[in-house]
Amino acid sequence: MKSSSMGQSRKAVKALTYLFLILGALVMVFPFIWMILTSSKTVQESMLVPPTILPAQIMLDNFKDAIASLPFVNMYINTILMIVFRVICAVIFSSMAGYAFAKLNFKGKNLLFGIVLMQMMLPSQIFITPQYQMIAKLGLPNTIFALVFPGIVSAFGTFFLRQAYMGIPTEIGEAAYLDGCNQWQTFTKVMFPLTSSSIAALSVFTAVFAYGDLMWPLVVNSDLKMMTLSSGLSTLRGQFSTNFPVLMAGSLLAMLPMVVLYLFFQRQFIEGVAMTGGK
């Protein structure tokens, strides 16, 4: 009797667990479903109170209006270039800095790493004014370099890869040194290849952060053709009224790159979350 009651209680707990997970998944997915449904409505339907769930008629003209309102080709190119260059810079510079903080001994190491941690703790909005002044003095607003500039050095990437290098036994580097490798060869030929999974996770995180960056692209690039997807979509929001179906249609078009990225690299993304949580 006890075993049967315990089995029933376990099944009940398992059923409740799945129920909560399903409800959580629905809560997470609902905004995307609402975005898709709103992109197919008319302006009047999108502003009804109480709101309607399904559109009376699917309006594909909203996508045409969104494409006509914004230079999506230019914004796709700008966003892709910004993501690619930020990922490259994060991988190169964060790898070298992370290796130095994890495996090398030099004066001021703890102080410099404390500055890196401090940069992570401070909100990014604090750095917008000095970064913009630097770009303005260089005469490079409304350029791809201006979009990439804040991501040339990544405090998060430095910390993330430092944790990865600290997980590699020091004896591996010492063995490479005994085999005749100098410090640079030890880093490039031995240590760096061992962090391939961490590099992939950092690349995915950097791409996601760059894609969602709104304030900096909106500040530094005022030309609509030099804006990214996130900053360009913000121009569809009017001061007094907003065409929500067109805005949702544009958001759906802008969301496609990240959906494709996640479908191809979801394993690396999940591993990255697990690694940062584990550390």
C-alpha atoms as a PDB file:
ATOM      1  CA  MET A   1       0.000   0.000   0.000  1.00  0.00           C
ATOM      2  CA  LYS A   2       2.793   2.389   0.879  1.00  0.00           C
ATOM      3  CA  SER A   3       4.622   1.719  -2.382  1.00  0.00           C
ATOM      4  CA  SER A   4       1.480   2.309  -4.423  1.00  0.00           C
ATOM      5  CA  SER A   5       0.710   5.559  -2.568  1.00  0.00           C
ATOM      6  CA  MET A   6       4.302   6.728  -3.062  1.00  0.00           C
ATOM      7  CA  GLY A   7       4.055   5.913  -6.758  1.00  0.00           C
ATOM      8  CA  GLN A   8       0.840   7.906  -7.068  1.00  0.00           C
ATOM      9  CA  SER A   9       2.359  10.882  -5.229  1.00  0.00           C
ATOM     10  CA  ARG A  10       5.367  10.818  -7.552  1.00  0.00           C
ATOM     11  CA  LYS A  11       3.091  10.762 -10.571  1.00  0.00           C
ATOM     12  CA  ALA A  12       1.109  13.680  -9.136  1.00  0.00           C
ATOM     13  CA  VAL A  13       4.296  15.691  -8.534  1.00  0.00           C
ATOM     14  CA  LYS A  14       5.511  14.878 -12.037  1.00  0.00           C
ATOM     15  CA  ALA A  15       2.161  15.928 -13.535  1.00  0.00           C
ATOM     16  CA  LEU A  16       2.209  19.217 -11.595  1.00  0.00           C
ATOM     17  CA  THR A  17       5.784  19.839 -12.697  1.00  0.00           C
ATOM     18  CA  TYR A  18       4.882  19.370 -16.359  1.00  0.00           C
ATOM     19  CA  LEU A  19       1.799  21.550 -15.884  1.00  0.00           C
ATOM     20  CA  PHE A  20       3.861  24.431 -14.496  1.00  0.00           C
ATOM     21  CA  LEU A  21       6.447  24.013 -17.262  1.00  0.00           C
ATOM     22  CA  ILE A  22       3.734  24.102 -19.914  1.00  0.00           C
ATOM     23  CA  LEU A  23       2.182  27.196 -18.348  1.00  0.00           C
ATOM     24  CA  GLY A  24       5.609  28.871 -18.187  1.00  0.00           C
ATOM     25  CA  ALA A  25       6.248  28.027 -21.843  1.00  0.00           C
ATOM     26  CA  LEU A  26       2.882  29.511 -22.831  1.00  0.00           C
ATOM     27  CA  VAL A  27       3.659  32.709 -20.912  1.00  0.00           C
ATOM     28  CA  MET A  28       6.996  32.989 -22.713  1.00  0.00           C
ATOM     29  CA  VAL A  29       5.583  32.230 -26.166  1.00  0.00           C
ATOM     30  CA  PHE A  30       2.443  34.377 -25.884  1.00  0.00           C
ATOM     31  CA  PRO A  31       4.161  37.724 -26.755  1.00  0.00           C
ATOM     32  CA  PHE A  32       5.496  36.218 -29.990  1.00  0.00           C
ATOM     33  CA  ILE A  33       2.095  34.786 -30.872  1.00  0.00           C
ATOM     34  CA  TRP A  34       0.491  38.172 -30.114  1.00  0.00           C
ATOM     35  CA  MET A  35       3.070  39.883 -32.323  1.00  0.00           C
ATOM     36  CA  ILE A  36       2.267  37.546 -35.227  1.00  0.00           C
ATOM     37  CA  LEU A  37      -1.477  37.988 -34.794  1.00  0.00           C
ATOM     38  CA  THR A  38      -1.231  41.784 -34.468  1.00  0.00           C
ATOM     39  CA  SER A  39       0.879  42.014 -37.618  1.00  0.00           C
ATOM     40  CA  SER A  40      -2.101  40.562 -39.512  1.00  0.00           C
ATOM     41  CA  LYS A  41      -4.721  42.951 -38.098  1.00  0.00           C
ATOM     42  CA  THR A  42      -5.988  46.352 -39.147  1.00  0.00           C
ATOM     43  CA  VAL A  43      -5.187  49.452 -37.098  1.00  0.00           C
ATOM     44  CA  GLN A  44      -8.726  49.538 -35.718  1.00  0.00           C
ATOM     45  CA  GLU A  45      -8.591  45.873 -34.648  1.00  0.00           C
ATOM     46  CA  SER A  46      -5.241  46.368 -32.914  1.00  0.00           C
ATOM     47  CA  MET A  47      -6.686  49.146 -30.715  1.00  0.00           C
ATOM     48  CA  LEU A  48      -9.975  47.520 -29.708  1.00  0.00           C
ATOM     49  CA  VAL A  49     -10.834  47.271 -26.008  1.00  0.00           C
ATOM     50  CA  PRO A  50     -11.270  44.485 -25.025  1.00  0.00           C
ATOM     51  CA  PRO A  51      -8.727  43.232 -27.561  1.00  0.00           C
ATOM     52  CA  THR A  52      -9.517  40.645 -30.200  1.00  0.00           C
ATOM     53  CA  ILE A  53      -7.306  37.581 -30.475  1.00  0.00           C
ATOM     54  CA  LEU A  54      -7.731  36.582 -34.120  1.00  0.00           C
ATOM     55  CA  PRO A  55      -7.871  39.086 -36.984  1.00  0.00           C
ATOM     56  CA  ALA A  56     -11.073  39.254 -39.018  1.00  0.00           C
ATOM     57  CA  GLN A  57      -8.971  39.176 -42.173  1.00  0.00           C
ATOM     58  CA  ILE A  58      -5.247  38.555 -42.628  1.00  0.00           C
ATOM     59  CA  MET A  59      -3.608  41.815 -43.740  1.00  0.00           C
ATOM     60  CA  LEU A  60      -0.358  41.079 -45.561  1.00  0.00           C
ATOM     61  CA  ASP A  61      -0.194  44.724 -46.615  1.00  0.00           C
ATOM     62  CA  ASN A  62       1.276  45.495 -43.188  1.00  0.00           C
ATOM     63  CA  PHE A  63       4.489  43.748 -44.213  1.00  0.00           C
ATOM     64  CA  LYS A  64       4.579  45.709 -47.463  1.00  0.00           C
ATOM     65  CA  ASP A  65       4.089  48.962 -45.541  1.00  0.00           C
ATOM     66  CA  ALA A  66       6.865  48.033 -43.092  1.00  0.00           C
ATOM     67  CA  ILE A  67       9.272  47.251 -45.932  1.00  0.00           C
ATOM     68  CA  ALA A  68       8.304  50.493 -47.682  1.00  0.00           C
ATOM     69  CA  SER A  69       8.751  52.552 -44.496  1.00  0.00           C
ATOM     70  CA  LEU A  70      12.244  51.307 -43.640  1.00  0.00           C
ATOM     71  CA  PRO A  71      15.335  50.368 -45.678  1.00  0.00           C
ATOM     72  CA  PHE A  72      15.381  46.799 -44.386  1.00  0.00           C
ATOM     73  CA  VAL A  73      18.193  45.716 -46.718  1.00  0.00           C
ATOM     74  CA  ASN A  74      20.518  48.386 -45.324  1.00  0.00           C
ATOM     75  CA  MET A  75      19.464  47.651 -41.747  1.00  0.00           C
ATOM     76  CA  TYR A  76      20.025  43.908 -42.214  1.00  0.00           C
ATOM     77  CA  ILE A  77      23.505  44.594 -43.607  1.00  0.00           C
ATOM     78  CA  ASN A  78      24.355  47.037 -40.802  1.00  0.00           C
ATOM     79  CA  THR A  79      23.133  44.638 -38.141  1.00  0.00           C
ATOM     80  CA  ILE A  80      24.989  41.659 -39.607  1.00  0.00           C
ATOM     81  CA  LEU A  81      28.243  43.629 -39.970  1.00  0.00           C
ATOM     82  CA  MET A  82      27.945  44.962 -36.425  1.00  0.00           C
ATOM     83  CA  ILE A  83      27.365  41.458 -35.054  1.00  0.00           C
ATOM     84  CA  VAL A  84      30.199  39.894 -37.067  1.00  0.00           C
ATOM     85  CA  PHE A  85      32.794  42.521 -36.118  1.00  0.00           C
ATOM     86  CA  ARG A  86      31.738  42.584 -32.467  1.00  0.00           C
ATOM     87  CA  VAL A  87      32.014  38.796 -32.291  1.00  0.00           C
ATOM     88  CA  ILE A  88      35.461  38.855 -33.903  1.00  0.00           C
ATOM     89  CA  CYS A  89      36.703  41.562 -31.527  1.00  0.00           C
ATOM     90  CA  ALA A  90      35.205  39.821 -28.495  1.00  0.00           C
ATOM     91  CA  VAL A  91      36.806  36.495 -29.389  1.00  0.00           C
ATOM     92  CA  ILE A  92      40.263  37.926 -30.147  1.00  0.00           C
ATOM     93  CA  PHE A  93      40.706  40.458 -27.352  1.00  0.00           C
ATOM     94  CA  SER A  94      38.719  38.648 -24.671  1.00  0.00           C
ATOM     95  CA  SER A  95      40.671  35.443 -25.311  1.00  0.00           C
ATOM     96  CA  MET A  96      43.999  37.178 -24.845  1.00  0.00           C
ATOM     97  CA  ALA A  97      42.844  39.137 -21.797  1.00  0.00           C
ATOM     98  CA  GLY A  98      41.132  36.120 -20.247  1.00  0.00           C
ATOM     99  CA  TYR A  99      44.246  33.975 -20.700  1.00  0.00           C
ATOM    100  CA  ALA A 100      46.444  36.680 -19.185  1.00  0.00           C
ATOM    101  CA  PHE A 101      44.224  37.085 -16.116  1.00  0.00           C
ATOM    102  CA  ALA A 102      43.904  33.325 -15.640  1.00  0.00           C
ATOM    103  CA  LYS A 103      47.397  31.989 -16.304  1.00  0.00           C
ATOM    104  CA  LEU A 104      49.930  34.838 -16.170  1.00  0.00           C
ATOM    105  CA  ASN A 105      51.382  36.687 -13.195  1.00  0.00           C
ATOM    106  CA  PHE A 106      52.118  40.393 -13.622  1.00  0.00           C
ATOM    107  CA  LYS A 107      52.004  43.573 -11.579  1.00  0.00           C
ATOM    108  CA  GLY A 108      48.591  45.136 -11.177  1.00  0.00           C
ATOM    109  CA  LYS A 109      46.776  41.965 -12.246  1.00  0.00           C
ATOM    110  CA  ASN A 110      44.182  42.081  -9.471  1.00  0.00           C
ATOM    111  CA  LEU A 111      43.680  45.831  -9.901  1.00  0.00           C
ATOM    112  CA  LEU A 112      43.089  45.528 -13.642  1.00  0.00           C
ATOM    113  CA  PHE A 113      40.725  42.601 -13.206  1.00  0.00           C
ATOM    114  CA  GLY A 114      38.858  44.616 -10.571  1.00  0.00           C
ATOM    115  CA  ILE A 115      38.385  47.363 -13.174  1.00  0.00           C
ATOM    116  CA  VAL A 116      36.955  44.768 -15.562  1.00  0.00           C
ATOM    117  CA  LEU A 117      34.495  43.611 -12.904  1.00  0.00           C
ATOM    118  CA  MET A 118      33.597  47.205 -12.136  1.00  0.00           C
ATOM    119  CA  GLN A 119      32.782  47.823 -15.789  1.00  0.00           C
ATOM    120  CA  MET A 120      30.473  44.801 -15.726  1.00  0.00           C
ATOM    121  CA  MET A 121      28.643  46.098 -12.670  1.00  0.00           C
ATOM    122  CA  LEU A 122      28.082  49.623 -13.999  1.00  0.00           C
ATOM    123  CA  PRO A 123      25.175  50.277 -16.391  1.00  0.00           C
ATOM    124  CA  SER A 124      26.243  50.676 -20.003  1.00  0.00           C
ATOM    125  CA  GLN A 125      24.387  54.017 -20.279  1.00  0.00           C
ATOM    126  CA  ILE A 126      27.155  55.645 -18.209  1.00  0.00           C
ATOM    127  CA  PHE A 127      29.660  55.090 -21.026  1.00  0.00           C
ATOM    128  CA  ILE A 128      27.485  56.438 -23.870  1.00  0.00           C
ATOM    129  CA  THR A 129      28.541  60.101 -23.529  1.00  0.00           C
ATOM    130  CA  PRO A 130      32.341  59.549 -23.445  1.00  0.00           C
ATOM    131  CA  GLN A 131      32.108  56.926 -26.196  1.00  0.00           C
ATOM    132  CA  TYR A 132      30.102  59.280 -28.400  1.00  0.00           C
ATOM    133  CA  GLN A 133      32.604  62.090 -27.783  1.00  0.00           C
ATOM    134  CA  MET A 134      35.414  59.793 -28.909  1.00  0.00           C
ATOM    135  CA  ILE A 135      33.517  58.825 -32.069  1.00  0.00           C
ATOM    136  CA  ALA A 136      32.631  62.469 -32.775  1.00  0.00           C
ATOM    137  CA  LYS A 137      36.274  63.588 -32.419  1.00  0.00           C
ATOM    138  CA  LEU A 138      37.304  60.821 -34.819  1.00  0.00           C
ATOM    139  CA  GLY A 139      34.654  62.082 -37.249  1.00  0.00           C
ATOM    140  CA  LEU A 140      33.076  58.633 -37.543  1.00  0.00           C
ATOM    141  CA  PRO A 141      29.354  58.971 -36.704  1.00  0.00           C
ATOM    142  CA  ASN A 142      26.994  57.208 -39.135  1.00  0.00           C
ATOM    143  CA  THR A 143      29.544  54.475 -39.869  1.00  0.00           C
ATOM    144  CA  ILE A 144      29.842  50.749 -39.220  1.00  0.00           C
ATOM    145  CA  PHE A 145      32.873  51.401 -37.011  1.00  0.00           C
ATOM    146  CA  ALA A 146      30.703  53.583 -34.769  1.00  0.00           C
ATOM    147  CA  LEU A 147      28.340  50.636 -34.256  1.00  0.00           C
ATOM    148  CA  VAL A 148      31.205  48.254 -33.457  1.00  0.00           C
ATOM    149  CA  PHE A 149      33.177  50.662 -31.247  1.00  0.00           C
ATOM    150  CA  PRO A 150      31.639  49.808 -27.804  1.00  0.00           C
ATOM    151  CA  GLY A 151      32.107  46.093 -28.464  1.00  0.00           C
ATOM    152  CA  ILE A 152      35.797  46.189 -29.366  1.00  0.00           C
ATOM    153  CA  VAL A 153      36.626  45.216 -25.779  1.00  0.00           C
ATOM    154  CA  SER A 154      34.132  43.099 -23.850  1.00  0.00           C
ATOM    155  CA  ALA A 155      34.295  43.022 -20.051  1.00  0.00           C
ATOM    156  CA  PHE A 156      31.817  40.145 -19.987  1.00  0.00           C
ATOM    157  CA  GLY A 157      33.875  38.228 -22.562  1.00  0.00           C
ATOM    158  CA  THR A 158      37.071  38.769 -20.574  1.00  0.00           C
ATOM    159  CA  PHE A 159      35.463  37.473 -17.385  1.00  0.00           C
ATOM    160  CA  PHE A 160      33.750  34.598 -19.184  1.00  0.00           C
ATOM    161  CA  LEU A 161      36.915  33.327 -20.890  1.00  0.00           C
ATOM    162  CA  ARG A 162      39.004  33.863 -17.763  1.00  0.00           C
ATOM    163  CA  GLN A 163      36.707  31.385 -16.050  1.00  0.00           C
ATOM    164  CA  ALA A 164      37.151  28.991 -18.978  1.00  0.00           C
ATOM    165  CA  TYR A 165      40.964  29.225 -18.876  1.00  0.00           C
ATOM    166  CA  MET A 166      40.995  28.766 -15.106  1.00  0.00           C
ATOM    167  CA  GLY A 167      39.247  25.446 -15.674  1.00  0.00           C
ATOM    168  CA  ILE A 168      42.191  24.201 -17.767  1.00  0.00           C
ATOM    169  CA  PRO A 169      44.927  22.506 -15.684  1.00  0.00           C
ATOM    170  CA  THR A 170      48.114  24.569 -15.413  1.00  0.00           C
ATOM    171  CA  GLU A 171      50.147  21.414 -16.095  1.00  0.00           C
ATOM    172  CA  ILE A 172      49.057  21.557 -19.759  1.00  0.00           C
ATOM    173  CA  GLY A 173      50.723  24.936 -20.218  1.00  0.00           C
ATOM    174  CA  GLU A 174      53.812  23.784 -18.342  1.00  0.00           C
ATOM    175  CA  ALA A 175      54.065  20.723 -20.593  1.00  0.00           C
ATOM    176  CA  ALA A 176      53.868  22.948 -23.670  1.00  0.00           C
ATOM    177  CA  TYR A 177      56.638  25.148 -22.235  1.00  0.00           C
ATOM    178  CA  LEU A 178      58.854  22.091 -21.659  1.00  0.00           C
ATOM    179  CA  ASP A 179      58.241  21.070 -25.276  1.00  0.00           C
ATOM    180  CA  GLY A 180      59.708  24.374 -26.441  1.00  0.00           C
ATOM    181  CA  CYS A 181      56.642  26.597 -26.812  1.00  0.00           C
ATOM    182  CA  ASN A 182      56.881  30.230 -25.818  1.00  0.00           C
ATOM    183  CA  GLN A 183      53.990  32.020 -24.132  1.00  0.00           C
ATOM    184  CA  TRP A 184      52.331  33.070 -27.395  1.00  0.00           C
ATOM    185  CA  GLN A 185      52.601  29.573 -28.877  1.00  0.00           C
ATOM    186  CA  THR A 186      51.223  28.060 -25.678  1.00  0.00           C
ATOM    187  CA  PHE A 187      48.225  30.369 -25.928  1.00  0.00           C
ATOM    188  CA  THR A 188      47.502  30.008 -29.647  1.00  0.00           C
ATOM    189  CA  LYS A 189      48.354  26.335 -30.194  1.00  0.00           C
ATOM    190  CA  VAL A 190      47.466  24.729 -26.866  1.00  0.00           C
ATOM    191  CA  MET A 191      45.173  26.815 -24.659  1.00  0.00           C
ATOM    192  CA  PHE A 192      42.988  28.600 -27.189  1.00  0.00           C
ATOM    193  CA  PRO A 193      41.808  25.408 -28.989  1.00  0.00           C
ATOM    194  CA  LEU A 194      40.765  23.926 -25.632  1.00  0.00           C
ATOM    195  CA  THR A 195      38.220  26.738 -25.142  1.00  0.00           C
ATOM    196  CA  SER A 196      36.344  26.158 -28.401  1.00  0.00           C
ATOM    197  CA  SER A 197      33.016  25.510 -26.669  1.00  0.00           C
ATOM    198  CA  SER A 198      33.418  28.641 -24.533  1.00  0.00           C
ATOM    199  CA  ILE A 199      34.349  30.650 -27.640  1.00  0.00           C
ATOM    200  CA  ALA A 200      31.204  29.423 -29.391  1.00  0.00           C
ATOM    201  CA  ALA A 201      29.073  30.332 -26.368  1.00  0.00           C
ATOM    202  CA  LEU A 202      30.674  33.791 -26.145  1.00  0.00           C
ATOM    203  CA  SER A 203      30.046  34.330 -29.853  1.00  0.00           C
ATOM    204  CA  VAL A 204      26.364  33.535 -29.419  1.00  0.00           C
ATOM    205  CA  PHE A 205      26.040  35.782 -26.367  1.00  0.00           C
ATOM    206  CA  THR A 206      27.860  38.636 -28.101  1.00  0.00           C
ATOM    207  CA  ALA A 207      25.619  38.292 -31.157  1.00  0.00           C
ATOM    208  CA  VAL A 208      22.493  38.376 -28.991  1.00  0.00           C
ATOM    209  CA  PHE A 209      23.699  41.403 -27.012  1.00  0.00           C
ATOM    210  CA  ALA A 210      24.680  43.252 -30.200  1.00  0.00           C
ATOM    211  CA  TYR A 211      21.372  42.467 -31.875  1.00  0.00           C
ATOM    212  CA  GLY A 212      19.397  43.799 -28.896  1.00  0.00           C
ATOM    213  CA  ASP A 213      21.488  46.957 -28.505  1.00  0.00           C
ATOM    214  CA  LEU A 214      19.112  49.878 -29.053  1.00  0.00           C
ATOM    215  CA  MET A 215      20.374  53.019 -27.368  1.00  0.00           C
ATOM    216  CA  TRP A 216      23.916  53.185 -28.776  1.00  0.00           C
ATOM    217  CA  PRO A 217      22.970  52.651 -32.471  1.00  0.00           C
ATOM    218  CA  LEU A 218      20.156  55.172 -32.036  1.00  0.00           C
ATOM    219  CA  VAL A 219      22.554  57.766 -30.600  1.00  0.00           C
ATOM    220  CA  VAL A 220      25.572  57.354 -32.844  1.00  0.00           C
ATOM    221  CA  ASN A 221      23.876  56.787 -36.226  1.00  0.00           C
ATOM    222  CA  SER A 222      21.138  59.265 -37.094  1.00  0.00           C
ATOM    223  CA  ASP A 223      21.014  58.365 -40.788  1.00  0.00           C
ATOM    224  CA  LEU A 224      18.179  55.879 -41.336  1.00  0.00           C
ATOM    225  CA  LYS A 225      20.263  53.904 -43.855  1.00  0.00           C
ATOM    226  CA  MET A 226      23.010  53.420 -41.251  1.00  0.00           C
ATOM    227  CA  MET A 227      20.709  52.248 -38.468  1.00  0.00           C
ATOM    228  CA  THR A 228      20.406  48.698 -37.200  1.00  0.00           C
ATOM    229  CA  LEU A 229      17.179  46.715 -37.047  1.00  0.00           C
ATOM    230  CA  SER A 230      16.469  47.621 -33.427  1.00  0.00           C
ATOM    231  CA  SER A 231      17.083  51.356 -33.835  1.00  0.00           C
ATOM    232  CA  GLY A 232      15.291  51.485 -37.185  1.00  0.00           C
ATOM    233  CA  LEU A 233      12.161  49.864 -35.754  1.00  0.00           C
ATOM    234  CA  SER A 234      11.993  52.535 -33.057  1.00  0.00           C
ATOM    235  CA  THR A 235      11.324  55.140 -35.768  1.00  0.00           C
ATOM    236  CA  LEU A 236       8.022  53.423 -36.578  1.00  0.00           C
ATOM    237  CA  ARG A 237       6.653  54.491 -33.213  1.00  0.00           C
ATOM    238  CA  GLY A 238       4.897  57.829 -33.588  1.00  0.00           C
ATOM    239  CA  GLN A 239       4.789  60.613 -31.023  1.00  0.00           C
ATOM    240  CA  PHE A 240       0.997  60.677 -30.711  1.00  0.00           C
ATOM    241  CA  SER A 241      -0.195  57.527 -32.489  1.00  0.00           C
ATOM    242  CA  THR A 242       1.442  54.318 -33.676  1.00  0.00           C
ATOM    243  CA  ASN A 243       0.500  51.922 -36.433  1.00  0.00           C
ATOM    244  CA  PHE A 244       0.882  48.803 -34.299  1.00  0.00           C
ATOM    245  CA  PRO A 245       0.213  46.253 -37.083  1.00  0.00           C
ATOM    246  CA  VAL A 246       3.008  47.756 -39.214  1.00  0.00           C
ATOM    247  CA  LEU A 247       5.278  47.945 -36.158  1.00  0.00           C
ATOM    248  CA  MET A 248       4.617  44.280 -35.332  1.00  0.00           C
ATOM    249  CA  ALA A 249       5.164  43.299 -38.967  1.00  0.00           C
ATOM    250  CA  GLY A 250       8.527  45.089 -38.930  1.00  0.00           C
ATOM    251  CA  SER A 251       9.416  43.460 -35.600  1.00  0.00           C
ATOM    252  CA  LEU A 252       8.614  40.054 -37.050  1.00  0.00           C
ATOM    253  CA  LEU A 253      10.893  40.707 -40.027  1.00  0.00           C
ATOM    254  CA  ALA A 254      13.646  41.955 -37.718  1.00  0.00           C
ATOM    255  CA  MET A 255      13.331  38.900 -35.469  1.00  0.00           C
ATOM    256  CA  LEU A 256      14.180  36.396 -38.198  1.00  0.00           C
ATOM    257  CA  PRO A 257      18.028  36.630 -37.933  1.00  0.00           C
ATOM    258  CA  MET A 258      18.020  35.779 -34.225  1.00  0.00           C
ATOM    259  CA  VAL A 259      15.578  32.914 -34.734  1.00  0.00           C
ATOM    260  CA  VAL A 260      17.875  31.432 -37.394  1.00  0.00           C
ATOM    261  CA  LEU A 261      20.916  32.008 -35.183  1.00  0.00           C
ATOM    262  CA  TYR A 262      19.294  30.251 -32.243  1.00  0.00           C
ATOM    263  CA  LEU A 263      18.138  27.293 -34.355  1.00  0.00           C
ATOM    264  CA  PHE A 264      21.704  26.688 -35.543  1.00  0.00           C
ATOM    265  CA  PHE A 265      23.538  27.417 -32.268  1.00  0.00           C
ATOM    266  CA  GLN A 266      21.058  26.512 -29.528  1.00  0.00           C
ATOM    267  CA  ARG A 267      23.420  23.888 -28.090  1.00  0.00           C
ATOM    268  CA  GLN A 268      26.197  26.474 -27.655  1.00  0.00           C
ATOM    269  CA  PHE A 269      23.750  28.949 -26.155  1.00  0.00           C
ATOM    270  CA  ILE A 270      22.503  26.436 -23.580  1.00  0.00           C
ATOM    271  CA  GLU A 271      26.064  25.338 -22.776  1.00  0.00           C
ATOM    272  CA  GLY A 272      27.036  28.961 -22.266  1.00  0.00           C
ATOM    273  CA  VAL A 273      24.196  29.535 -19.810  1.00  0.00           C
ATOM    274  CA  ALA A 274      25.151  26.357 -17.939  1.00  0.00           C
ATOM    275  CA  MET A 275      28.822  27.344 -17.806  1.00  0.00           C
ATOM    276  CA  THR A 276      28.189  30.862 -16.512  1.00  0.00           C
ATOM    277  CA  GLY A 277      25.739  29.489 -13.936  1.00  0.00           C
ATOM    278  CA  GLY A 278      28.170  26.787 -12.877  1.00  0.00           C
ATOM    279  CA  LYS A 279      30.983  29.241 -12.256  1.00  0.00           C
END
